Each structure stands twice: as structure tokens, then as C-alpha cells.
């Protein structure tokens, strides 16, 4: 919280300078506002921090942001030191009966030292009910000129030490708050537009499933396929991140999961299907509703790299699904401590070596040592080790020498439609 001292009374001059003895006579409004904003920007919620700093600096009882909406004044942000029951976030009242409307249209001044001494304020119900002794209020104007509402602060008793300088501070802060509120409004609009786009993609099935083979590196025999989603426009990362931002991630995952699982019957005999699933999706009621119709015996549920190991509900769900025949995989092994933590907590059936570890492994002794260690670890634990991102014959040969039996990557097969046979011819090497 900003802790600026209240200046001594020096009249209504907002530009007065500090007294010669070093004490503060009247601080410049821009200096005060700048100090308050600098502190507020360090807080998690900018507007709440501005309100708290303003109320404290002015020594008022309540500070709030009120939005004008369809004839009502809604309290959107409140800093309430007195516990005033009528001023709470989300509460509202009739706009025409408020101080706010009268300040905006000029029927009340922006600065009131003693509301009871001003007939236009004394006659208002709020003056007696709250009560209001002193009052400061300035409009919050958006960039298009419309009035969002007001930035207000009041005390229950009169205050003679409120001056024009305090209004200048409030106006500067109101302008900054207006910018923040406008950005929040624009963000909400964009979020709603993005949510609509995600829902449309789901409803219109505007995506397709492609399959990348996972093969035995010794003889190129396919042991499984990883299902990957492709969209008509935009990358998978773009769409899944958009879904996460708009609260639609589980819905999109369920739609793509169902589309992938519908192809299980087309898999080669003995091959499994790996599908990516997030912890939120796996633990969701929507996934639980699908469990009875999923071919769990042919699925490998590949937990995404965002998987947290501090989720008891996830580990319980993994155990329950494993008892019903599902297998689990984790990827990014070898990419850091978090990957090892997921392996130890989830105890997956399949461990996938991170593609960054595989890239150039034929020329890097350190990568080879780490891969060899992971090979030893998974063998002792009865797990299957799969190397991801194999793009050159030299990388493949190095992995075989290290004892890694299974792999996936452009060298072995690019994502595409399911073939009609269970062996994948070697693709051309990707140019270096």
C-alpha cells in the first residue's frame, strides 16, 4: 500500500511546493498519482491496489469504482474500511438516486467537504443512510468518450482538508483505471469471440485426425500410432491454447479424442492407439461418461507435459483406468526434473524420450549417456521406452546401438492417414 503523508493545508493551489523545512506542504498531483500507481502496479490487481492507496491517502472510509449499467450504478471494485454494508462488490442501486449520476451531470460538485451542509447532497437518501460526510467523485471516461461510471471515495464524517489537489490526483488515477478497465473489457470481448470460434470448430468438426507410426527400430514393424489433430486453419497449439483461455479446453479435447478413437477399428492387428489427454480432461465428468464405450485395451493415454504430480484425483483416475485395461505414457522424459517426477508419480507403461534429447544424439556423448541411463531405468521397471523425433538414419542407428528398441519421427513416418498394412516403408531423411 502507498504510504504518502497527508500534506498540511496550503489552500487550493495544486502546484504548491514543499516547505523550506523539508516537510510537505502540498505534493504535486502528478507526483502523488505517480507514486500511487508505481506501487499499485506491483500488486496482483491493479484497480484494487489503486482504490486501497487512494482511500488510505485521502483518509476516507470507502473507495469504489461504480459502473453505469442500464439505469443502475453497480459497485465493481470496492475498498471498504468501515464495513459499510450497502457498498459491496456486485451490489447496486438506482443510478438516478446516486451521488455518481449527479456528479457526472453537474448537479453535484466533484468535491464535497460536508454533504449535510450542501442542500443538493443533504436531501439524498444516501447522505443519511450510509452516511456520507465528505465525498470525492470523478467520471471514468473511456477512449470513445462514453462514461463507464465514476471513481468515488467518501468518509462518514465531514473533512475540511480535502482540496482541489485531491481531485487532480483522483482524475489522473481515474484515467489510468479507465485504460485498465477498457483493456479488460476488450479482453472479455476477445475471449467471448474466441470461445465462439472454438465452439464452432467443435460443432462443425473443423479438424481432422492424422496418425504417426511408432515402430520397432530393429525391423520397422509398427507397434502403434499416435493420434494428432490438425485444423483447417491455424496450428493445433493455437487452437488448444485458445480453448484453454476460454474455458473450452475439455470440450475440444473430448471432441478430438472421440474422432481419434473412432478410427481404432482401422488399426493394424496388434497395434495400439496413443491419444494425448490433459489431466483436466482425464479427470473430467465428460471423460468419465465415455469410459464405458472406450476401447481401453487398445488405447495408450499419453499424459501431456503440463501434467502436475500434485493431483491426487489424477493418480486415482489413472489407477482406475489401468485396472480396466488402459495403458499410460508420459513424454518429455530427459527434458528436466519435472519429467522424472511425472514418471515416478504416474508409473507409466510407456516412457517417451524428449525429441530435444534425440536430436543429434549420434554426435553427442552426453545425450547418449542420458539415453542409456533412461534405457536402463525403464528396463528395470518393466516399461517400454520410445524415442521421439527421429529424423536421420544416424540418429536411428545410434539409438539401436544404445539398446532403445522403439521410435517415432519423420524418418519412420510422417503423420497422415492410417495405412492398410502394418509396416511403414522408410521415409526420406529430412534435410539437415
Foldseek 3Di string as FASTA:
>chain_A
DDDDAAADDPAFDLPDAQDPVPGRHHDRLVVLLVSQQVVLVVDPDNVQSSQVSLCVRVVAAKKFFWFDDPQKTATQHIDGNPPQVQRDHGHIDGPVLDPFVCCVVVVDPQWFQAQCVDVSRVPRPCCPVSNFGIKHKDFQAAPVGDTGTITMTTHNHGDPSDHNSSNSNRVVVSPVVNVVVVVVVVVVVVLVVLCVVLVVCLVVVQKAWWWFFKAFLVPQFTQAIEIDIQGPDDGPVVSLVSCVSNVNNLVNLVSSVVRQQVCPVQAAPNHAYEYEDELCNLLDVSVVVCLVVGPQQRYEYEYEPVHDLPDPSSLVSLVVSVVVRHFYEYECPVVDDSLVSCCVRNVGQEYEHYLVLLVPVLPDPVSLVSLLVVVVVCVVSNHAYEYEADQDPSSSVSCVVSVRTMYTHVQSPDIHHHDNHRGTDGDDGDDD
